[in-house]
Amino acid sequence: MTLNATFPDLRGRSVFITGGGAGIGAFLTDGFLAQGAKVSFVQRSDATAFCNEMEEKHGLRPHAQTCDISDIAALRSSLAAAADEHGPVTVLVNNAANDARHTAEEVTEDFWDQSQAINLKSYFFACQAVVAGMRAAGGGAVVNMSSISYMMGNAGYPAYTTANAGINGMTRSLAREFGPDKIRFNALAPGWVLTEKQIEQWVTPEALAAHIDRQCLKDTLKPQDIVDAVLFLSSASSRMMTGQLMAVDGGVVVTG
C-alpha cells in the first residue's frame, strides 16, 4: 500500500474493522497499521498468515478474531475483546458485506433475512456496541461502507442494494443522535474497485470498458483509493463531517 497522507491523530487509536483480513478490508487494516493505529478485525476464516505479514511489514500485529458478523452476540463479544486488547474502540469501520448476485424472483425469506443480517443488521449493532466506549473516550468516528449500486438502481442483487440504501439512512440518523457525544457517523460508497474477487468473478473487458465510460475520471479504482478516503473520514481532518455519504467512484454518481 502507498502512504499518500499521514494522519497523526490515528497513531495509537483503537480501530475495529469487520472483514479486515481480505479484499478491501485487508487494505484497510494495512492502511491503519501504516498510520500507527492499533487494529482489531473480524472475519469468518483464519487470518494468521495475514497477521504475520502485517506484523513483519509494520512491526504491529493486528488483533484478529474469527466471527460470523450475522451472529450479533458473537459480534458484540468480538468488539468487547478488541476493547480489552487495545482500549475502547474509537474508530469503527463496518466493511464486511456479501454482494452475491441474485434475481428478485429467486429470493426466499431465509436468503433475504441472511442478506440483511450481514449487510445491514450487523452494521447497526456494531455501531450500537461502540457508542458507550466512544462517549467515554470523548468521541469517535464510524465509517459505514455502502455502495453506489443502489444509487445507480442496479439490477442483479436487490437484497444487497436495499441494505446499502438502508446503511445511508441509518448513518444519517445515528449522526444526529450521537453528534452531541462527538461521535461521527459517515458512509462511504465505493464504485467498482478492482479487487482480486471482482477480477475473478465479475470483470470482463467489455463490462469494465462500459463502466469506465460512465465515470468522469477515465481510470480504474484501486483499493488504495478507498483506504485514503476511510483514513480521512476516521481522522480529525474530517472533524466537522458527519451524516454524510462520500462516493469514491470516479464520478459515476453525484451526491447533494
C-alpha atoms as a PDB file:
ATOM      1  CA  MET A   1       0.000   0.000   0.000  1.00  0.00           C
ATOM      2  CA  THR A   2       1.040   3.601  -0.577  1.00  0.00           C
ATOM      3  CA  LEU A   3       1.142   6.155   2.252  1.00  0.00           C
ATOM      4  CA  ASN A   4      -0.447   9.098   0.450  1.00  0.00           C
ATOM      5  CA  ALA A   5      -1.170  11.096   3.606  1.00  0.00           C
ATOM      6  CA  THR A   6      -0.300  10.915   7.297  1.00  0.00           C
ATOM      7  CA  PHE A   7      -2.926  11.459   9.978  1.00  0.00           C
ATOM      8  CA  PRO A   8      -1.056  11.855  13.281  1.00  0.00           C
ATOM      9  CA  ASP A   9      -4.206  11.582  15.398  1.00  0.00           C
ATOM     10  CA  LEU A  10      -4.730   7.997  14.186  1.00  0.00           C
ATOM     11  CA  ARG A  11      -1.486   6.839  15.821  1.00  0.00           C
ATOM     12  CA  GLY A  12      -2.337   4.651  18.785  1.00  0.00           C
ATOM     13  CA  ARG A  13      -6.082   4.739  18.096  1.00  0.00           C
ATOM     14  CA  SER A  14      -8.115   1.584  18.720  1.00  0.00           C
ATOM     15  CA  VAL A  15      -9.617   0.628  15.364  1.00  0.00           C
ATOM     16  CA  PHE A  16     -12.093  -2.175  14.652  1.00  0.00           C
ATOM     17  CA  ILE A  17     -12.758  -3.383  11.086  1.00  0.00           C
ATOM     18  CA  THR A  18     -15.273  -6.015  10.038  1.00  0.00           C
ATOM     19  CA  GLY A  19     -13.943  -8.229   7.261  1.00  0.00           C
ATOM     20  CA  GLY A  20     -10.485  -6.770   7.841  1.00  0.00           C
ATOM     21  CA  GLY A  21      -8.425  -9.717   6.618  1.00  0.00           C
ATOM     22  CA  ALA A  22      -9.429  -9.969   2.968  1.00  0.00           C
ATOM     23  CA  GLY A  23     -10.382  -7.830  -0.017  1.00  0.00           C
ATOM     24  CA  ILE A  24     -10.713  -4.110   0.640  1.00  0.00           C
ATOM     25  CA  GLY A  25     -10.748  -4.899   4.366  1.00  0.00           C
ATOM     26  CA  ALA A  26      -7.182  -6.196   4.232  1.00  0.00           C
ATOM     27  CA  PHE A  27      -6.073  -2.975   2.554  1.00  0.00           C
ATOM     28  CA  LEU A  28      -7.863  -1.015   5.288  1.00  0.00           C
ATOM     29  CA  THR A  29      -6.046  -2.956   8.003  1.00  0.00           C
ATOM     30  CA  ASP A  30      -2.760  -2.319   6.207  1.00  0.00           C
ATOM     31  CA  GLY A  31      -3.583   1.369   5.863  1.00  0.00           C
ATOM     32  CA  PHE A  32      -4.444   1.906   9.523  1.00  0.00           C
ATOM     33  CA  LEU A  33      -1.374  -0.008  10.676  1.00  0.00           C
ATOM     34  CA  ALA A  34       0.768   2.233   8.464  1.00  0.00           C
ATOM     35  CA  GLN A  35      -0.663   5.180  10.424  1.00  0.00           C
ATOM     36  CA  GLY A  36       0.408   3.561  13.701  1.00  0.00           C
ATOM     37  CA  ALA A  37      -3.111   2.575  14.766  1.00  0.00           C
ATOM     38  CA  LYS A  38      -3.924  -0.478  16.869  1.00  0.00           C
ATOM     39  CA  VAL A  39      -6.153  -2.598  14.656  1.00  0.00           C
ATOM     40  CA  SER A  40      -8.588  -5.344  15.566  1.00  0.00           C
ATOM     41  CA  PHE A  41     -10.640  -7.093  12.934  1.00  0.00           C
ATOM     42  CA  VAL A  42     -13.004  -9.993  12.432  1.00  0.00           C
ATOM     43  CA  GLN A  43     -13.596 -12.332   9.543  1.00  0.00           C
ATOM     44  CA  ARG A  44     -15.005 -15.803   9.042  1.00  0.00           C
ATOM     45  CA  SER A  45     -11.706 -17.557   8.236  1.00  0.00           C
ATOM     46  CA  ASP A  46      -8.346 -17.861   9.974  1.00  0.00           C
ATOM     47  CA  ALA A  47      -6.146 -14.801   9.415  1.00  0.00           C
ATOM     48  CA  THR A  48      -2.864 -15.960  10.945  1.00  0.00           C
ATOM     49  CA  ALA A  49      -0.857 -15.696   7.707  1.00  0.00           C
ATOM     50  CA  PHE A  50      -2.164 -12.198   7.016  1.00  0.00           C
ATOM     51  CA  CYS A  51      -1.413 -11.072  10.585  1.00  0.00           C
ATOM     52  CA  ASN A  52       2.126 -12.439  10.269  1.00  0.00           C
ATOM     53  CA  GLU A  53       2.566 -10.455   7.051  1.00  0.00           C
ATOM     54  CA  MET A  54       1.272  -7.253   8.656  1.00  0.00           C
ATOM     55  CA  GLU A  55       3.465  -7.664  11.736  1.00  0.00           C
ATOM     56  CA  GLU A  56       6.555  -8.155   9.591  1.00  0.00           C
ATOM     57  CA  LYS A  57       5.662  -5.126   7.480  1.00  0.00           C
ATOM     58  CA  HIS A  58       4.648  -2.658  10.198  1.00  0.00           C
ATOM     59  CA  GLY A  59       6.039  -4.021  13.446  1.00  0.00           C
ATOM     60  CA  LEU A  60       2.454  -4.010  14.721  1.00  0.00           C
ATOM     61  CA  ARG A  61       0.304  -7.125  14.827  1.00  0.00           C
ATOM     62  CA  PRO A  62      -3.410  -6.771  14.207  1.00  0.00           C
ATOM     63  CA  HIS A  63      -5.712  -8.488  16.672  1.00  0.00           C
ATOM     64  CA  ALA A  64      -7.733 -10.931  14.573  1.00  0.00           C
ATOM     65  CA  GLN A  65     -10.809 -12.869  15.642  1.00  0.00           C
ATOM     66  CA  THR A  66     -12.939 -15.391  13.798  1.00  0.00           C
ATOM     67  CA  CYS A  67     -16.542 -14.238  13.765  1.00  0.00           C
ATOM     68  CA  ASP A  68     -19.726 -14.529  11.735  1.00  0.00           C
ATOM     69  CA  ILE A  69     -20.971 -10.935  11.903  1.00  0.00           C
ATOM     70  CA  SER A  70     -24.570 -12.052  11.399  1.00  0.00           C
ATOM     71  CA  ASP A  71     -24.296 -13.592  14.884  1.00  0.00           C
ATOM     72  CA  ILE A  72     -24.845 -10.420  16.897  1.00  0.00           C
ATOM     73  CA  ALA A  73     -23.840 -11.952  20.216  1.00  0.00           C
ATOM     74  CA  ALA A  74     -20.534 -13.089  18.689  1.00  0.00           C
ATOM     75  CA  LEU A  75     -20.008  -9.671  17.098  1.00  0.00           C
ATOM     76  CA  ARG A  76     -20.580  -7.918  20.418  1.00  0.00           C
ATOM     77  CA  SER A  77     -18.185 -10.324  22.101  1.00  0.00           C
ATOM     78  CA  SER A  78     -15.528  -9.617  19.454  1.00  0.00           C
ATOM     79  CA  LEU A  79     -15.911  -5.864  19.922  1.00  0.00           C
ATOM     80  CA  ALA A  80     -15.576  -6.262  23.691  1.00  0.00           C
ATOM     81  CA  ALA A  81     -12.437  -8.366  23.232  1.00  0.00           C
ATOM     82  CA  ALA A  82     -10.983  -5.715  20.919  1.00  0.00           C
ATOM     83  CA  ALA A  83     -11.590  -3.060  23.573  1.00  0.00           C
ATOM     84  CA  ASP A  84      -9.886  -5.255  26.155  1.00  0.00           C
ATOM     85  CA  GLU A  85      -6.909  -5.694  23.823  1.00  0.00           C
ATOM     86  CA  HIS A  86      -6.435  -2.130  22.570  1.00  0.00           C
ATOM     87  CA  GLY A  87      -8.649   0.101  24.682  1.00  0.00           C
ATOM     88  CA  PRO A  88     -12.104   1.447  23.799  1.00  0.00           C
ATOM     89  CA  VAL A  89     -12.769   1.329  20.065  1.00  0.00           C
ATOM     90  CA  THR A  90     -12.732   4.915  18.796  1.00  0.00           C
ATOM     91  CA  VAL A  91     -12.730   4.100  15.079  1.00  0.00           C
ATOM     92  CA  LEU A  92     -15.208   1.557  13.709  1.00  0.00           C
ATOM     93  CA  VAL A  93     -15.238   0.572  10.044  1.00  0.00           C
ATOM     94  CA  ASN A  94     -18.223  -1.555   9.072  1.00  0.00           C
ATOM     95  CA  ASN A  95     -16.771  -3.080   5.929  1.00  0.00           C
ATOM     96  CA  ALA A  96     -17.831  -6.727   5.650  1.00  0.00           C
ATOM     97  CA  ALA A  97     -20.591  -7.420   3.134  1.00  0.00           C
ATOM     98  CA  ASN A  98     -21.932 -10.054   0.772  1.00  0.00           C
ATOM     99  CA  ASP A  99     -22.853  -8.881  -2.714  1.00  0.00           C
ATOM    100  CA  ALA A 100     -23.763 -12.307  -4.115  1.00  0.00           C
ATOM    101  CA  ARG A 101     -25.732 -11.892  -7.335  1.00  0.00           C
ATOM    102  CA  HIS A 102     -29.390 -12.896  -7.338  1.00  0.00           C
ATOM    103  CA  THR A 103     -32.661 -12.126  -9.085  1.00  0.00           C
ATOM    104  CA  ALA A 104     -35.707 -10.788  -7.278  1.00  0.00           C
ATOM    105  CA  GLU A 105     -37.808 -13.801  -8.198  1.00  0.00           C
ATOM    106  CA  GLU A 106     -35.432 -16.327  -6.643  1.00  0.00           C
ATOM    107  CA  VAL A 107     -35.152 -14.584  -3.260  1.00  0.00           C
ATOM    108  CA  THR A 108     -36.543 -16.587  -0.343  1.00  0.00           C
ATOM    109  CA  GLU A 109     -37.340 -15.272   3.135  1.00  0.00           C
ATOM    110  CA  ASP A 110     -34.274 -17.037   4.521  1.00  0.00           C
ATOM    111  CA  PHE A 111     -31.993 -15.520   1.854  1.00  0.00           C
ATOM    112  CA  TRP A 112     -33.481 -12.062   2.433  1.00  0.00           C
ATOM    113  CA  ASP A 113     -33.054 -12.276   6.204  1.00  0.00           C
ATOM    114  CA  GLN A 114     -29.476 -13.519   5.904  1.00  0.00           C
ATOM    115  CA  SER A 115     -28.578 -10.798   3.414  1.00  0.00           C
ATOM    116  CA  GLN A 116     -29.931  -8.077   5.699  1.00  0.00           C
ATOM    117  CA  ALA A 117     -28.247  -9.686   8.706  1.00  0.00           C
ATOM    118  CA  ILE A 118     -24.846  -9.425   7.037  1.00  0.00           C
ATOM    119  CA  ASN A 119     -25.228  -6.211   5.065  1.00  0.00           C
ATOM    120  CA  LEU A 120     -27.297  -4.025   7.403  1.00  0.00           C
ATOM    121  CA  LYS A 121     -28.202  -5.547  10.786  1.00  0.00           C
ATOM    122  CA  SER A 122     -24.576  -6.208  11.751  1.00  0.00           C
ATOM    123  CA  TYR A 123     -23.706  -2.597  10.913  1.00  0.00           C
ATOM    124  CA  PHE A 124     -26.324  -1.220  13.281  1.00  0.00           C
ATOM    125  CA  PHE A 125     -25.428  -3.448  16.206  1.00  0.00           C
ATOM    126  CA  ALA A 126     -21.699  -2.831  15.775  1.00  0.00           C
ATOM    127  CA  CYS A 127     -22.437   0.900  15.915  1.00  0.00           C
ATOM    128  CA  GLN A 128     -24.593   0.392  18.992  1.00  0.00           C
ATOM    129  CA  ALA A 129     -21.861  -1.606  20.719  1.00  0.00           C
ATOM    130  CA  VAL A 130     -19.153   1.058  20.376  1.00  0.00           C
ATOM    131  CA  VAL A 131     -21.167   4.109  21.404  1.00  0.00           C
ATOM    132  CA  ALA A 132     -20.588   3.838  25.158  1.00  0.00           C
ATOM    133  CA  GLY A 133     -16.822   3.463  24.771  1.00  0.00           C
ATOM    134  CA  MET A 134     -16.609   6.323  22.293  1.00  0.00           C
ATOM    135  CA  ARG A 135     -18.677   8.551  24.547  1.00  0.00           C
ATOM    136  CA  ALA A 136     -16.393   7.790  27.497  1.00  0.00           C
ATOM    137  CA  ALA A 137     -13.346   8.486  25.327  1.00  0.00           C
ATOM    138  CA  GLY A 138     -14.700  11.897  24.339  1.00  0.00           C
ATOM    139  CA  GLY A 139     -15.773  10.959  20.829  1.00  0.00           C
ATOM    140  CA  GLY A 140     -15.115   8.662  17.905  1.00  0.00           C
ATOM    141  CA  ALA A 141     -15.643   8.021  14.233  1.00  0.00           C
ATOM    142  CA  VAL A 142     -17.673   5.375  12.409  1.00  0.00           C
ATOM    143  CA  VAL A 143     -17.355   4.691   8.696  1.00  0.00           C
ATOM    144  CA  ASN A 144     -20.100   2.536   7.208  1.00  0.00           C
ATOM    145  CA  MET A 145     -19.193   1.083   3.831  1.00  0.00           C
ATOM    146  CA  SER A 146     -22.099   1.380   1.424  1.00  0.00           C
ATOM    147  CA  SER A 147     -22.075   1.167  -2.379  1.00  0.00           C
ATOM    148  CA  ILE A 148     -23.052   3.257  -5.382  1.00  0.00           C
ATOM    149  CA  SER A 149     -25.060   0.250  -6.617  1.00  0.00           C
ATOM    150  CA  TYR A 150     -28.308   1.413  -5.020  1.00  0.00           C
ATOM    151  CA  MET A 151     -27.890   4.962  -6.344  1.00  0.00           C
ATOM    152  CA  MET A 152     -27.419   3.566  -9.837  1.00  0.00           C
ATOM    153  CA  GLY A 153     -30.532   1.409  -9.483  1.00  0.00           C
ATOM    154  CA  ASN A 154     -28.528  -1.668 -10.384  1.00  0.00           C
ATOM    155  CA  ALA A 155     -30.333  -4.931 -11.038  1.00  0.00           C
ATOM    156  CA  GLY A 156     -28.907  -8.324 -10.147  1.00  0.00           C
ATOM    157  CA  TYR A 157     -28.742  -8.076  -6.342  1.00  0.00           C
ATOM    158  CA  PRO A 158     -31.830  -6.308  -4.937  1.00  0.00           C
ATOM    159  CA  ALA A 159     -31.366  -7.545  -1.357  1.00  0.00           C
ATOM    160  CA  TYR A 160     -27.862  -6.046  -1.354  1.00  0.00           C
ATOM    161  CA  THR A 161     -28.875  -2.692  -2.833  1.00  0.00           C
ATOM    162  CA  THR A 162     -31.742  -2.443  -0.340  1.00  0.00           C
ATOM    163  CA  ALA A 163     -29.307  -2.935   2.531  1.00  0.00           C
ATOM    164  CA  ASN A 164     -26.945  -0.309   1.143  1.00  0.00           C
ATOM    165  CA  ALA A 165     -29.725   2.252   0.892  1.00  0.00           C
ATOM    166  CA  GLY A 166     -30.560   1.398   4.498  1.00  0.00           C
ATOM    167  CA  ILE A 167     -26.948   1.948   5.555  1.00  0.00           C
ATOM    168  CA  ASN A 168     -27.137   5.523   4.305  1.00  0.00           C
ATOM    169  CA  GLY A 169     -30.380   6.237   6.191  1.00  0.00           C
ATOM    170  CA  MET A 170     -29.053   4.606   9.362  1.00  0.00           C
ATOM    171  CA  THR A 171     -25.826   6.619   9.155  1.00  0.00           C
ATOM    172  CA  ARG A 172     -27.705   9.901   8.981  1.00  0.00           C
ATOM    173  CA  SER A 173     -29.949   9.064  11.935  1.00  0.00           C
ATOM    174  CA  LEU A 174     -27.080   7.916  14.148  1.00  0.00           C
ATOM    175  CA  ALA A 175     -25.068  11.020  13.254  1.00  0.00           C
ATOM    176  CA  ARG A 176     -27.941  13.168  14.507  1.00  0.00           C
ATOM    177  CA  GLU A 177     -28.483  11.117  17.667  1.00  0.00           C
ATOM    178  CA  PHE A 178     -24.858  10.920  18.780  1.00  0.00           C
ATOM    179  CA  GLY A 179     -23.465  14.195  17.499  1.00  0.00           C
ATOM    180  CA  PRO A 180     -23.732  15.735  20.996  1.00  0.00           C
ATOM    181  CA  ASP A 181     -21.345  13.000  22.169  1.00  0.00           C
ATOM    182  CA  LYS A 182     -18.821  13.969  19.458  1.00  0.00           C
ATOM    183  CA  ILE A 183     -19.339  10.627  17.715  1.00  0.00           C
ATOM    184  CA  ARG A 184     -19.319  10.984  13.950  1.00  0.00           C
ATOM    185  CA  PHE A 185     -21.036   8.633  11.509  1.00  0.00           C
ATOM    186  CA  ASN A 186     -20.309   8.778   7.794  1.00  0.00           C
ATOM    187  CA  ALA A 187     -20.936   6.412   4.903  1.00  0.00           C
ATOM    188  CA  LEU A 188     -18.569   5.713   2.052  1.00  0.00           C
ATOM    189  CA  ALA A 189     -19.834   4.400  -1.269  1.00  0.00           C
ATOM    190  CA  PRO A 190     -17.143   2.867  -3.476  1.00  0.00           C
ATOM    191  CA  GLY A 191     -17.531   2.411  -7.188  1.00  0.00           C
ATOM    192  CA  TRP A 192     -16.170  -0.626  -8.980  1.00  0.00           C
ATOM    193  CA  VAL A 193     -12.933  -1.342  -7.141  1.00  0.00           C
ATOM    194  CA  LEU A 194     -10.726  -3.908  -8.847  1.00  0.00           C
ATOM    195  CA  THR A 195     -10.052  -6.329  -6.014  1.00  0.00           C
ATOM    196  CA  GLU A 196      -8.986  -9.908  -6.716  1.00  0.00           C
ATOM    197  CA  LYS A 197     -12.552 -11.093  -6.077  1.00  0.00           C
ATOM    198  CA  GLN A 198     -14.001  -8.620  -8.548  1.00  0.00           C
ATOM    199  CA  ILE A 199     -11.434  -9.518 -11.190  1.00  0.00           C
ATOM    200  CA  GLU A 200     -12.035 -13.238 -10.734  1.00  0.00           C
ATOM    201  CA  GLN A 201     -15.845 -13.140 -10.653  1.00  0.00           C
ATOM    202  CA  TRP A 202     -17.212 -10.127 -12.469  1.00  0.00           C
ATOM    203  CA  VAL A 203     -14.677  -8.204 -14.536  1.00  0.00           C
ATOM    204  CA  THR A 204     -14.726  -8.647 -18.288  1.00  0.00           C
ATOM    205  CA  PRO A 205     -13.049  -6.245 -20.717  1.00  0.00           C
ATOM    206  CA  GLU A 206     -16.445  -5.245 -22.102  1.00  0.00           C
ATOM    207  CA  ALA A 207     -18.090  -4.650 -18.720  1.00  0.00           C
ATOM    208  CA  LEU A 208     -15.108  -2.704 -17.398  1.00  0.00           C
ATOM    209  CA  ALA A 209     -14.929  -0.524 -20.503  1.00  0.00           C
ATOM    210  CA  ALA A 210     -18.644   0.247 -20.255  1.00  0.00           C
ATOM    211  CA  HIS A 211     -18.330   1.188 -16.583  1.00  0.00           C
ATOM    212  CA  ILE A 212     -15.313   3.436 -17.106  1.00  0.00           C
ATOM    213  CA  ASP A 213     -17.238   5.132 -19.888  1.00  0.00           C
ATOM    214  CA  ARG A 214     -19.816   6.132 -17.243  1.00  0.00           C
ATOM    215  CA  GLN A 215     -17.117   7.622 -14.998  1.00  0.00           C
ATOM    216  CA  CYS A 216     -15.996  11.239 -15.212  1.00  0.00           C
ATOM    217  CA  LEU A 217     -12.444  10.103 -14.472  1.00  0.00           C
ATOM    218  CA  LYS A 218     -11.302   7.528 -17.034  1.00  0.00           C
ATOM    219  CA  ASP A 219      -9.249   5.317 -14.768  1.00  0.00           C
ATOM    220  CA  THR A 220      -9.873   2.192 -12.702  1.00  0.00           C
ATOM    221  CA  LEU A 221     -10.495   2.364  -8.972  1.00  0.00           C
ATOM    222  CA  LYS A 222      -7.928   0.692  -6.761  1.00  0.00           C
ATOM    223  CA  PRO A 223      -8.268  -0.373  -3.110  1.00  0.00           C
ATOM    224  CA  GLN A 224      -5.877   2.429  -2.123  1.00  0.00           C
ATOM    225  CA  ASP A 225      -8.468   4.966  -3.293  1.00  0.00           C
ATOM    226  CA  ILE A 226     -10.891   3.604  -0.701  1.00  0.00           C
ATOM    227  CA  VAL A 227      -8.238   3.362   2.039  1.00  0.00           C
ATOM    228  CA  ASP A 228      -7.346   7.032   1.645  1.00  0.00           C
ATOM    229  CA  ALA A 229     -10.994   8.094   1.970  1.00  0.00           C
ATOM    230  CA  VAL A 230     -11.608   5.910   5.044  1.00  0.00           C
ATOM    231  CA  LEU A 231      -8.497   7.234   6.777  1.00  0.00           C
ATOM    232  CA  PHE A 232      -9.664  10.786   6.130  1.00  0.00           C
ATOM    233  CA  LEU A 233     -13.168  10.103   7.484  1.00  0.00           C
ATOM    234  CA  SER A 234     -11.668   8.414  10.563  1.00  0.00           C
ATOM    235  CA  SER A 235      -9.271  11.244  11.375  1.00  0.00           C
ATOM    236  CA  ALA A 236      -9.565  14.691  12.874  1.00  0.00           C
ATOM    237  CA  SER A 237      -9.092  16.071   9.364  1.00  0.00           C
ATOM    238  CA  SER A 238     -12.821  15.459   8.868  1.00  0.00           C
ATOM    239  CA  ARG A 239     -13.821  16.505  12.398  1.00  0.00           C
ATOM    240  CA  MET A 240     -16.850  18.537  11.228  1.00  0.00           C
ATOM    241  CA  MET A 241     -18.124  15.955   8.753  1.00  0.00           C
ATOM    242  CA  THR A 242     -20.915  13.692   9.932  1.00  0.00           C
ATOM    243  CA  GLY A 243     -24.085  12.218   8.478  1.00  0.00           C
ATOM    244  CA  GLN A 244     -22.535  12.356   5.020  1.00  0.00           C
ATOM    245  CA  LEU A 245     -22.230   9.933   2.149  1.00  0.00           C
ATOM    246  CA  MET A 246     -18.924  10.141   0.297  1.00  0.00           C
ATOM    247  CA  ALA A 247     -18.863   8.467  -3.114  1.00  0.00           C
ATOM    248  CA  VAL A 248     -15.448   7.331  -4.333  1.00  0.00           C
ATOM    249  CA  ASP A 249     -16.349   6.079  -7.774  1.00  0.00           C
ATOM    250  CA  GLY A 250     -14.536   8.115 -10.401  1.00  0.00           C
ATOM    251  CA  GLY A 251     -17.646  10.237 -10.888  1.00  0.00           C
ATOM    252  CA  VAL A 252     -20.360   7.759 -11.850  1.00  0.00           C
ATOM    253  CA  VAL A 253     -22.897   9.227  -9.438  1.00  0.00           C
ATOM    254  CA  VAL A 254     -23.201  12.681  -7.967  1.00  0.00           C
ATOM    255  CA  THR A 255     -24.497  13.464  -4.473  1.00  0.00           C
ATOM    256  CA  GLY A 256     -26.110  16.504  -2.959  1.00  0.00           C
END
